[in-house]
C-alpha atoms as a PDB file:
ATOM      1  CA  MET A   1     -22.166 -44.036  37.735  1.00  0.00           C
ATOM      2  CA  PRO A   2     -23.097 -44.937  41.508  1.00  0.00           C
ATOM      3  CA  ARG A   3     -26.194 -46.405  42.492  1.00  0.00           C
ATOM      4  CA  VAL A   4     -27.230 -44.085  45.695  1.00  0.00           C
ATOM      5  CA  SER A   5     -30.052 -43.586  48.162  1.00  0.00           C
ATOM      6  CA  GLU A   6     -30.904 -42.078  51.360  1.00  0.00           C
ATOM      7  CA  ARG A   7     -29.766 -45.523  53.078  1.00  0.00           C
ATOM      8  CA  LEU A   8     -27.336 -47.421  51.088  1.00  0.00           C
ATOM      9  CA  ARG A   9     -24.772 -46.529  47.938  1.00  0.00           C
ATOM     10  CA  ILE A  10     -23.212 -48.985  45.443  1.00  0.00           C
ATOM     11  CA  ASP A  11     -20.034 -48.135  43.466  1.00  0.00           C
ATOM     12  CA  ARG A  12     -18.256 -50.028  40.843  1.00  0.00           C
ATOM     13  CA  ASP A  13     -14.472 -49.934  40.267  1.00  0.00           C
ATOM     14  CA  GLY A  14     -11.712 -52.834  39.608  1.00  0.00           C
ATOM     15  CA  PRO A  15     -11.319 -54.203  35.528  1.00  0.00           C
ATOM     16  CA  THR A  16     -14.231 -53.211  33.394  1.00  0.00           C
ATOM     17  CA  GLY A  17     -15.907 -52.536  36.866  1.00  0.00           C
ATOM     18  CA  THR A  18     -15.741 -56.256  38.331  1.00  0.00           C
ATOM     19  CA  VAL A  19     -15.580 -54.974  41.578  1.00  0.00           C
ATOM     20  CA  ALA A  20     -18.315 -54.026  43.607  1.00  0.00           C
ATOM     21  CA  ARG A  21     -18.553 -51.799  46.352  1.00  0.00           C
ATOM     22  CA  VAL A  22     -21.454 -51.181  48.763  1.00  0.00           C
ATOM     23  CA  THR A  23     -21.149 -48.884  51.122  1.00  0.00           C
ATOM     24  CA  LEU A  24     -24.248 -47.945  54.214  1.00  0.00           C
ATOM     25  CA  THR A  25     -25.314 -44.094  53.798  1.00  0.00           C
ATOM     26  CA  ARG A  26     -26.574 -43.788  57.338  1.00  0.00           C
ATOM     27  CA  PRO A  27     -23.796 -41.922  59.632  1.00  0.00           C
ATOM     28  CA  ASP A  28     -25.788 -39.851  61.757  1.00  0.00           C
ATOM     29  CA  VAL A  29     -26.877 -43.066  63.691  1.00  0.00           C
ATOM     30  CA  HIS A  30     -24.327 -45.646  63.045  1.00  0.00           C
ATOM     31  CA  ASN A  31     -25.231 -46.979  60.055  1.00  0.00           C
ATOM     32  CA  ALA A  32     -28.256 -48.897  62.378  1.00  0.00           C
ATOM     33  CA  PHE A  33     -30.576 -51.326  60.571  1.00  0.00           C
ATOM     34  CA  ASP A  34     -33.980 -50.020  59.736  1.00  0.00           C
ATOM     35  CA  ALA A  35     -37.278 -51.416  57.156  1.00  0.00           C
ATOM     36  CA  SER A  36     -36.308 -49.723  54.183  1.00  0.00           C
ATOM     37  CA  LEU A  37     -32.286 -50.554  55.066  1.00  0.00           C
ATOM     38  CA  ILE A  38     -32.768 -53.957  55.385  1.00  0.00           C
ATOM     39  CA  ALA A  39     -34.736 -54.226  51.795  1.00  0.00           C
ATOM     40  CA  GLU A  40     -32.411 -52.285  50.027  1.00  0.00           C
ATOM     41  CA  LEU A  41     -29.223 -54.278  51.469  1.00  0.00           C
ATOM     42  CA  ARG A  42     -31.254 -57.911  50.445  1.00  0.00           C
ATOM     43  CA  ALA A  43     -32.354 -56.477  46.626  1.00  0.00           C
ATOM     44  CA  ALA A  44     -28.794 -55.058  46.131  1.00  0.00           C
ATOM     45  CA  PHE A  45     -26.804 -58.034  47.318  1.00  0.00           C
ATOM     46  CA  THR A  46     -29.791 -60.382  44.957  1.00  0.00           C
ATOM     47  CA  ALA A  47     -29.112 -58.246  42.220  1.00  0.00           C
ATOM     48  CA  LEU A  48     -25.264 -58.731  42.717  1.00  0.00           C
ATOM     49  CA  GLY A  49     -25.833 -62.688  43.217  1.00  0.00           C
ATOM     50  CA  ASN A  50     -26.950 -62.863  39.851  1.00  0.00           C
ATOM     51  CA  GLU A  51     -24.303 -61.419  37.658  1.00  0.00           C
ATOM     52  CA  GLY A  52     -22.158 -64.232  36.248  1.00  0.00           C
ATOM     53  CA  PRO A  53     -17.941 -64.950  37.190  1.00  0.00           C
ATOM     54  CA  THR A  54     -16.260 -62.688  35.276  1.00  0.00           C
ATOM     55  CA  ALA A  55     -19.348 -59.417  35.524  1.00  0.00           C
ATOM     56  CA  LEU A  56     -18.980 -59.583  39.437  1.00  0.00           C
ATOM     57  CA  ARG A  57     -15.870 -60.342  41.028  1.00  0.00           C
ATOM     58  CA  ALA A  58     -15.683 -59.668  44.504  1.00  0.00           C
ATOM     59  CA  VAL A  59     -17.956 -57.353  47.171  1.00  0.00           C
ATOM     60  CA  VAL A  60     -16.860 -54.812  49.302  1.00  0.00           C
ATOM     61  CA  LEU A  61     -19.171 -53.726  52.194  1.00  0.00           C
ATOM     62  CA  ALA A  62     -18.453 -51.205  54.119  1.00  0.00           C
ATOM     63  CA  GLY A  63     -19.876 -47.957  56.272  1.00  0.00           C
ATOM     64  CA  ASP A  64     -19.829 -44.055  56.189  1.00  0.00           C
ATOM     65  CA  GLY A  65     -18.843 -41.964  59.122  1.00  0.00           C
ATOM     66  CA  PRO A  66     -17.721 -43.764  62.024  1.00  0.00           C
ATOM     67  CA  SER A  67     -19.356 -46.806  62.049  1.00  0.00           C
ATOM     68  CA  PHE A  68     -19.503 -50.002  60.246  1.00  0.00           C
ATOM     69  CA  CYS A  69     -22.638 -50.573  61.903  1.00  0.00           C
ATOM     70  CA  ALA A  70     -23.854 -50.208  65.646  1.00  0.00           C
ATOM     71  CA  GLY A  71     -26.776 -53.265  65.133  1.00  0.00           C
ATOM     72  CA  ALA A  72     -30.322 -52.142  64.899  1.00  0.00           C
ATOM     73  CA  ASP A  73     -32.248 -48.788  64.714  1.00  0.00           C
ATOM     74  CA  LEU A  74     -33.711 -47.859  67.978  1.00  0.00           C
ATOM     75  CA  ASN A  75     -36.475 -46.130  66.318  1.00  0.00           C
ATOM     76  CA  TRP A  76     -37.223 -48.797  64.500  1.00  0.00           C
ATOM     77  CA  MET A  77     -36.976 -51.468  67.307  1.00  0.00           C
ATOM     78  CA  ARG A  78     -39.823 -49.230  69.691  1.00  0.00           C
ATOM     79  CA  ALA A  79     -41.776 -49.348  66.463  1.00  0.00           C
ATOM     80  CA  ALA A  80     -41.194 -53.032  66.308  1.00  0.00           C
ATOM     81  CA  MET A  81     -42.026 -53.107  70.060  1.00  0.00           C
ATOM     82  CA  SER A  82     -45.709 -52.299  68.967  1.00  0.00           C
ATOM     83  CA  LEU A  83     -46.172 -54.973  66.762  1.00  0.00           C
ATOM     84  CA  GLU A  84     -47.816 -58.281  67.222  1.00  0.00           C
ATOM     85  CA  ARG A  85     -46.366 -61.404  67.222  1.00  0.00           C
ATOM     86  CA  GLU A  86     -46.938 -62.164  63.632  1.00  0.00           C
ATOM     87  CA  ALA A  87     -45.417 -58.839  62.250  1.00  0.00           C
ATOM     88  CA  ASN A  88     -42.511 -59.478  64.483  1.00  0.00           C
ATOM     89  CA  GLU A  89     -41.632 -62.541  63.052  1.00  0.00           C
ATOM     90  CA  HIS A  90     -42.521 -60.820  59.941  1.00  0.00           C
ATOM     91  CA  ASP A  91     -40.373 -58.051  60.870  1.00  0.00           C
ATOM     92  CA  ALA A  92     -37.686 -60.867  61.998  1.00  0.00           C
ATOM     93  CA  MET A  93     -37.682 -62.746  58.760  1.00  0.00           C
ATOM     94  CA  ALA A  94     -36.683 -59.862  56.921  1.00  0.00           C
ATOM     95  CA  LEU A  95     -33.533 -59.621  59.138  1.00  0.00           C
ATOM     96  CA  ALA A  96     -31.869 -63.001  57.758  1.00  0.00           C
ATOM     97  CA  ASP A  97     -33.533 -62.697  54.151  1.00  0.00           C
ATOM     98  CA  MET A  98     -31.477 -60.007  54.200  1.00  0.00           C
ATOM     99  CA  LEU A  99     -28.148 -61.631  55.841  1.00  0.00           C
ATOM    100  CA  GLU A 100     -28.781 -65.054  53.922  1.00  0.00           C
ATOM    101  CA  ALA A 101     -28.474 -63.136  50.708  1.00  0.00           C
ATOM    102  CA  ILE A 102     -25.254 -61.560  51.060  1.00  0.00           C
ATOM    103  CA  ASP A 103     -23.990 -65.287  52.713  1.00  0.00           C
ATOM    104  CA  THR A 104     -25.372 -66.481  49.982  1.00  0.00           C
ATOM    105  CA  CYS A 105     -23.923 -63.913  47.056  1.00  0.00           C
ATOM    106  CA  PRO A 106     -21.980 -65.930  45.150  1.00  0.00           C
ATOM    107  CA  ALA A 107     -18.563 -63.839  45.135  1.00  0.00           C
ATOM    108  CA  PRO A 108     -17.058 -62.701  47.778  1.00  0.00           C
ATOM    109  CA  VAL A 109     -17.719 -60.703  49.798  1.00  0.00           C
ATOM    110  CA  ILE A 110     -15.310 -58.471  51.973  1.00  0.00           C
ATOM    111  CA  ALA A 111     -16.284 -56.606  55.446  1.00  0.00           C
ATOM    112  CA  ARG A 112     -14.413 -53.543  55.920  1.00  0.00           C
ATOM    113  CA  VAL A 113     -14.630 -52.446  59.335  1.00  0.00           C
ATOM    114  CA  HIS A 114     -13.910 -49.721  61.593  1.00  0.00           C
ATOM    115  CA  GLY A 115     -16.257 -47.912  64.800  1.00  0.00           C
ATOM    116  CA  ALA A 116     -19.183 -50.430  65.871  1.00  0.00           C
ATOM    117  CA  ALA A 117     -19.485 -53.176  64.954  1.00  0.00           C
ATOM    118  CA  LEU A 118     -23.019 -54.097  66.665  1.00  0.00           C
ATOM    119  CA  GLY A 119     -26.151 -56.101  67.382  1.00  0.00           C
ATOM    120  CA  GLY A 120     -26.737 -57.119  62.970  1.00  0.00           C
ATOM    121  CA  GLY A 121     -23.655 -55.404  62.907  1.00  0.00           C
ATOM    122  CA  MET A 122     -21.968 -58.863  63.653  1.00  0.00           C
ATOM    123  CA  GLY A 123     -24.219 -60.189  61.672  1.00  0.00           C
ATOM    124  CA  LEU A 124     -22.988 -58.979  58.810  1.00  0.00           C
ATOM    125  CA  CYS A 125     -19.413 -59.777  59.819  1.00  0.00           C
ATOM    126  CA  ALA A 126     -20.211 -63.496  60.164  1.00  0.00           C
ATOM    127  CA  VAL A 127     -22.097 -63.352  56.903  1.00  0.00           C
ATOM    128  CA  ALA A 128     -18.503 -61.253  54.765  1.00  0.00           C
ATOM    129  CA  ASP A 129     -16.039 -64.346  53.728  1.00  0.00           C
ATOM    130  CA  ILE A 130     -12.785 -61.672  54.365  1.00  0.00           C
ATOM    131  CA  VAL A 131     -13.123 -59.302  57.641  1.00  0.00           C
ATOM    132  CA  ILE A 132     -10.785 -57.231  57.938  1.00  0.00           C
ATOM    133  CA  ALA A 133     -11.240 -54.526  60.769  1.00  0.00           C
ATOM    134  CA  GLU A 134      -9.293 -51.051  62.249  1.00  0.00           C
ATOM    135  CA  SER A 135      -7.097 -52.182  65.258  1.00  0.00           C
ATOM    136  CA  GLY A 136      -9.908 -49.152  67.211  1.00  0.00           C
ATOM    137  CA  ALA A 137     -13.195 -51.609  66.134  1.00  0.00           C
ATOM    138  CA  ARG A 138     -15.253 -52.998  68.490  1.00  0.00           C
ATOM    139  CA  PHE A 139     -17.489 -55.718  68.619  1.00  0.00           C
ATOM    140  CA  GLY A 140     -20.488 -57.151  70.684  1.00  0.00           C
ATOM    141  CA  PHE A 141     -23.495 -59.275  70.861  1.00  0.00           C
ATOM    142  CA  THR A 142     -25.098 -56.331  72.948  1.00  0.00           C
ATOM    143  CA  GLU A 143     -29.281 -57.740  72.450  1.00  0.00           C
ATOM    144  CA  THR A 144     -29.554 -58.658  75.635  1.00  0.00           C
ATOM    145  CA  ARG A 145     -28.352 -54.819  77.149  1.00  0.00           C
ATOM    146  CA  LEU A 146     -31.973 -54.352  75.585  1.00  0.00           C
ATOM    147  CA  GLY A 147     -33.708 -57.167  76.632  1.00  0.00           C
ATOM    148  CA  ILE A 148     -33.535 -59.324  73.633  1.00  0.00           C
ATOM    149  CA  LEU A 149     -31.896 -61.856  72.266  1.00  0.00           C
ATOM    150  CA  PRO A 150     -29.173 -62.320  68.730  1.00  0.00           C
ATOM    151  CA  ALA A 151     -31.420 -64.590  67.119  1.00  0.00           C
ATOM    152  CA  VAL A 152     -31.772 -63.483  63.895  1.00  0.00           C
ATOM    153  CA  ILE A 153     -27.287 -63.858  63.367  1.00  0.00           C
ATOM    154  CA  ALA A 154     -27.393 -66.393  65.676  1.00  0.00           C
ATOM    155  CA  PRO A 155     -26.912 -69.165  62.906  1.00  0.00           C
ATOM    156  CA  PHE A 156     -24.689 -67.382  60.790  1.00  0.00           C
ATOM    157  CA  VAL A 157     -22.364 -66.179  63.835  1.00  0.00           C
ATOM    158  CA  ILE A 158     -22.440 -69.645  65.087  1.00  0.00           C
ATOM    159  CA  ALA A 159     -21.384 -71.436  61.566  1.00  0.00           C
ATOM    160  CA  LYS A 160     -18.281 -68.084  61.925  1.00  0.00           C
ATOM    161  CA  VAL A 161     -17.293 -68.327  65.422  1.00  0.00           C
ATOM    162  CA  GLY A 162     -18.700 -71.658  66.656  1.00  0.00           C
ATOM    163  CA  GLU A 163     -20.402 -72.671  69.570  1.00  0.00           C
ATOM    164  CA  SER A 164     -18.077 -72.047  72.190  1.00  0.00           C
ATOM    165  CA  HIS A 165     -17.365 -68.353  71.929  1.00  0.00           C
ATOM    166  CA  ALA A 166     -21.114 -67.949  70.737  1.00  0.00           C
ATOM    167  CA  ARG A 167     -22.167 -68.902  74.436  1.00  0.00           C
ATOM    168  CA  ALA A 168     -19.500 -66.823  76.437  1.00  0.00           C
ATOM    169  CA  LEU A 169     -20.298 -63.663  73.983  1.00  0.00           C
ATOM    170  CA  PHE A 170     -24.291 -63.948  74.134  1.00  0.00           C
ATOM    171  CA  PRO A 171     -26.066 -63.795  76.937  1.00  0.00           C
ATOM    172  CA  GLY A 172     -23.916 -60.781  78.443  1.00  0.00           C
ATOM    173  CA  GLY A 173     -23.832 -58.594  75.539  1.00  0.00           C
ATOM    174  CA  ARG A 174     -20.117 -57.628  76.985  1.00  0.00           C
ATOM    175  CA  ARG A 175     -18.037 -55.539  73.976  1.00  0.00           C
ATOM    176  CA  PHE A 176     -14.555 -56.111  72.555  1.00  0.00           C
ATOM    177  CA  ASP A 177     -12.019 -55.606  71.228  1.00  0.00           C
ATOM    178  CA  ALA A 178     -10.251 -56.095  67.511  1.00  0.00           C
ATOM    179  CA  VAL A 179      -8.214 -58.584  68.745  1.00  0.00           C
ATOM    180  CA  ARG A 180     -10.438 -60.813  70.666  1.00  0.00           C
ATOM    181  CA  ALA A 181     -12.555 -60.616  67.726  1.00  0.00           C
ATOM    182  CA  GLN A 182     -10.135 -62.080  65.167  1.00  0.00           C
ATOM    183  CA  ARG A 183      -8.974 -64.227  68.179  1.00  0.00           C
ATOM    184  CA  ILE A 184     -12.405 -66.138  68.115  1.00  0.00           C
ATOM    185  CA  GLY A 185     -12.892 -66.081  64.386  1.00  0.00           C
ATOM    186  CA  LEU A 186     -14.823 -63.034  63.494  1.00  0.00           C
ATOM    187  CA  VAL A 187     -12.344 -61.522  62.006  1.00  0.00           C
ATOM    188  CA  HIS A 188      -9.567 -62.240  59.707  1.00  0.00           C
ATOM    189  CA  GLU A 189      -7.124 -59.125  60.107  1.00  0.00           C
ATOM    190  CA  VAL A 190      -5.970 -55.925  61.426  1.00  0.00           C
ATOM    191  CA  VAL A 191      -4.608 -53.342  60.938  1.00  0.00           C
ATOM    192  CA  GLU A 192      -3.960 -49.695  62.309  1.00  0.00           C
ATOM    193  CA  GLY A 193      -5.488 -46.630  61.238  1.00  0.00           C
ATOM    194  CA  ILE A 194      -8.084 -46.153  58.105  1.00  0.00           C
ATOM    195  CA  ASP A 195      -5.167 -46.215  55.160  1.00  0.00           C
ATOM    196  CA  ALA A 196      -3.818 -49.420  56.503  1.00  0.00           C
ATOM    197  CA  LEU A 197      -7.081 -50.897  56.594  1.00  0.00           C
ATOM    198  CA  ASP A 198      -8.232 -49.700  53.127  1.00  0.00           C
ATOM    199  CA  ALA A 199      -4.403 -50.917  51.612  1.00  0.00           C
ATOM    200  CA  SER A 200      -5.709 -54.470  53.259  1.00  0.00           C
ATOM    201  CA  VAL A 201      -9.080 -54.365  51.357  1.00  0.00           C
ATOM    202  CA  GLN A 202      -7.373 -53.305  48.220  1.00  0.00           C
ATOM    203  CA  VAL A 203      -5.637 -56.415  48.902  1.00  0.00           C
ATOM    204  CA  ALA A 204      -7.610 -59.061  49.722  1.00  0.00           C
ATOM    205  CA  ILE A 205     -10.023 -56.910  46.196  1.00  0.00           C
ATOM    206  CA  ASP A 206      -6.359 -57.811  44.638  1.00  0.00           C
ATOM    207  CA  ASP A 207      -6.217 -61.870  45.941  1.00  0.00           C
ATOM    208  CA  LEU A 208      -9.866 -62.323  43.926  1.00  0.00           C
ATOM    209  CA  LEU A 209      -8.378 -60.469  40.418  1.00  0.00           C
ATOM    210  CA  ALA A 210      -6.268 -63.036  40.571  1.00  0.00           C
ATOM    211  CA  ALA A 211      -7.820 -65.483  40.685  1.00  0.00           C
ATOM    212  CA  GLY A 212      -9.666 -67.472  38.357  1.00  0.00           C
ATOM    213  CA  PRO A 213     -13.521 -65.845  38.620  1.00  0.00           C
ATOM    214  CA  THR A 214     -14.953 -69.379  38.406  1.00  0.00           C
ATOM    215  CA  ALA A 215     -12.522 -70.943  40.631  1.00  0.00           C
ATOM    216  CA  ALA A 216     -12.909 -68.174  43.726  1.00  0.00           C
ATOM    217  CA  ARG A 217     -16.570 -68.539  43.627  1.00  0.00           C
ATOM    218  CA  ARG A 218     -16.821 -72.384  43.559  1.00  0.00           C
ATOM    219  CA  ALA A 219     -14.070 -72.220  46.349  1.00  0.00           C
ATOM    220  CA  LYS A 220     -16.210 -69.988  48.535  1.00  0.00           C
ATOM    221  CA  SER A 221     -19.200 -72.294  47.188  1.00  0.00           C
ATOM    222  CA  ILE A 222     -17.714 -75.905  48.101  1.00  0.00           C
ATOM    223  CA  VAL A 223     -17.107 -74.171  51.818  1.00  0.00           C
ATOM    224  CA  ARG A 224     -20.868 -74.617  52.349  1.00  0.00           C
ATOM    225  CA  GLU A 225     -22.300 -77.203  50.193  1.00  0.00           C
ATOM    226  CA  VAL A 226     -19.815 -79.857  52.328  1.00  0.00           C
ATOM    227  CA  ARG A 227     -21.066 -78.031  55.861  1.00  0.00           C
ATOM    228  CA  GLY A 228     -23.042 -81.388  58.011  1.00  0.00           C
ATOM    229  CA  LEU A 229     -22.202 -83.510  55.358  1.00  0.00           C
ATOM    230  CA  PRO A 230     -21.146 -87.081  55.786  1.00  0.00           C
ATOM    231  CA  HIS A 231     -17.277 -88.045  54.569  1.00  0.00           C
ATOM    232  CA  GLY A 232     -19.037 -90.574  52.212  1.00  0.00           C
ATOM    233  CA  SER A 233     -21.055 -87.578  50.816  1.00  0.00           C
ATOM    234  CA  SER A 234     -18.094 -85.082  50.888  1.00  0.00           C
ATOM    235  CA  LYS A 235     -16.030 -87.097  49.211  1.00  0.00           C
ATOM    236  CA  TRP A 236     -18.226 -87.761  46.185  1.00  0.00           C
ATOM    237  CA  HIS A 237     -19.243 -84.424  45.976  1.00  0.00           C
ATOM    238  CA  THR A 238     -15.555 -82.929  46.056  1.00  0.00           C
ATOM    239  CA  ALA A 239     -14.891 -85.530  43.519  1.00  0.00           C
ATOM    240  CA  ARG A 240     -17.621 -84.336  41.054  1.00  0.00           C
ATOM    241  CA  VAL A 241     -16.824 -80.344  41.523  1.00  0.00           C
ATOM    242  CA  ILE A 242     -12.717 -80.735  41.417  1.00  0.00           C
ATOM    243  CA  ALA A 243     -13.042 -83.284  37.687  1.00  0.00           C
ATOM    244  CA  GLY A 244     -15.572 -80.116  36.201  1.00  0.00           C
ATOM    245  CA  GLN A 245     -13.402 -77.479  37.280  1.00  0.00           C
ATOM    246  CA  ARG A 246     -10.622 -79.520  35.753  1.00  0.00           C
ATOM    247  CA  VAL A 247     -11.740 -79.506  32.160  1.00  0.00           C
ATOM    248  CA  SER A 248     -13.357 -75.743  31.991  1.00  0.00           C
ATOM    249  CA  ASP A 249     -12.007 -73.569  30.161  1.00  0.00           C
ATOM    250  CA  GLU A 250     -10.667 -71.252  32.990  1.00  0.00           C
ATOM    251  CA  ALA A 251      -8.578 -74.376  34.332  1.00  0.00           C
ATOM    252  CA  GLN A 252      -6.741 -75.027  30.996  1.00  0.00           C
ATOM    253  CA  GLU A 253      -5.897 -72.175  30.667  1.00  0.00           C
ATOM    254  CA  GLY A 254      -4.807 -70.776  33.930  1.00  0.00           C
ATOM    255  CA  PHE A 255      -2.399 -74.300  33.327  1.00  0.00           C
ATOM    256  CA  ARG A 256      -0.923 -72.134  29.722  1.00  0.00           C
ATOM    257  CA  ALA A 257       0.087 -69.278  31.124  1.00  0.00           C
ATOM    258  CA  PHE A 258       1.884 -70.975  34.673  1.00  0.00           C
ATOM    259  CA  ALA A 259       3.647 -73.355  31.678  1.00  0.00           C
ATOM    260  CA  GLU A 260       4.588 -70.326  30.032  1.00  0.00           C
ATOM    261  CA  ARG A 261       5.010 -67.994  32.920  1.00  0.00           C
ATOM    262  CA  ARG A 262       2.439 -65.205  31.562  1.00  0.00           C
ATOM    263  CA  ARG A 263      -0.027 -64.253  33.490  1.00  0.00           C
ATOM    264  CA  PRO A 264      -3.742 -65.710  33.153  1.00  0.00           C
ATOM    265  CA  GLY A 265      -6.090 -64.030  30.744  1.00  0.00           C
ATOM    266  CA  TRP A 266      -8.782 -62.782  34.028  1.00  0.00           C
ATOM    267  CA  GLN A 267      -5.640 -61.556  36.053  1.00  0.00           C
ATOM    268  CA  PRO A 268      -5.113 -57.441  35.801  1.00  0.00           C
ATOM    269  CA  GLU A 269      -1.619 -56.317  34.569  1.00  0.00           C
ATOM    270  CA  ASP A 270      -1.615 -54.259  36.668  1.00  0.00           C
ATOM    271  CA  GLU A 271      -2.912 -55.962  39.984  1.00  0.00           C
ATOM    272  CA  GLY A 272      -2.266 -52.910  42.090  1.00  0.00           C
ATOM    273  CA  THR A 273      -4.930 -50.172  40.558  1.00  0.00           C
ATOM    274  CA  ALA A 274      -7.783 -52.415  40.350  1.00  0.00           C
END
């Protein structure tokens, strides 16, 4: 059964429920953030992060209605303007903690983007591993148009698109299309229409289900682990990681399956029905 609140829905599908679909359910405000939605997203991804590799193999992050996520709810932002500085810092830190919970989720996260992805919605794109967008989607770091800053999302966005694109796009707050979002590395695939969007998300899920459950997670985590390490440290770290994976039961099964020309035990018989 899906877990449902006024702001968030979590469904499970795929083989034995190993695919989680986390959907923002505030379509009347284009799935804009408020304090409750931020808290629910953090709790959801913290709980998902505690599931093992065979229990959770992929997460799809999506939005109901006309948009993926249009940033911050205006009423929530107005309320924040009246808070003291310390309370404002606490409020902003809650958003940072939510984004970090998604960023560090052990299972790969796929963002299904349509309509608007603005402000904090850009942060969600930045912390997803695979971002697939419908061609009509519109993006933008629009905070400066309201006299505020894309500050909390900045570390995640800069890690994704680089300093050059951030410096070009942060100050002016101009909106841009999915083609530019793909060109700067925020989006990985652009498709035409919602049916094609869902089909491409399914292909990404199938790819993850074809990979070894622990191998997919380790492949994701190694990107974060080697970020910023000097060459010598990264060389030894990656050698230890691959050595540990090579002797795992999962790797042994993968190589046996390859040699015997069969599917490994973790791969669904019919990926297309996952």
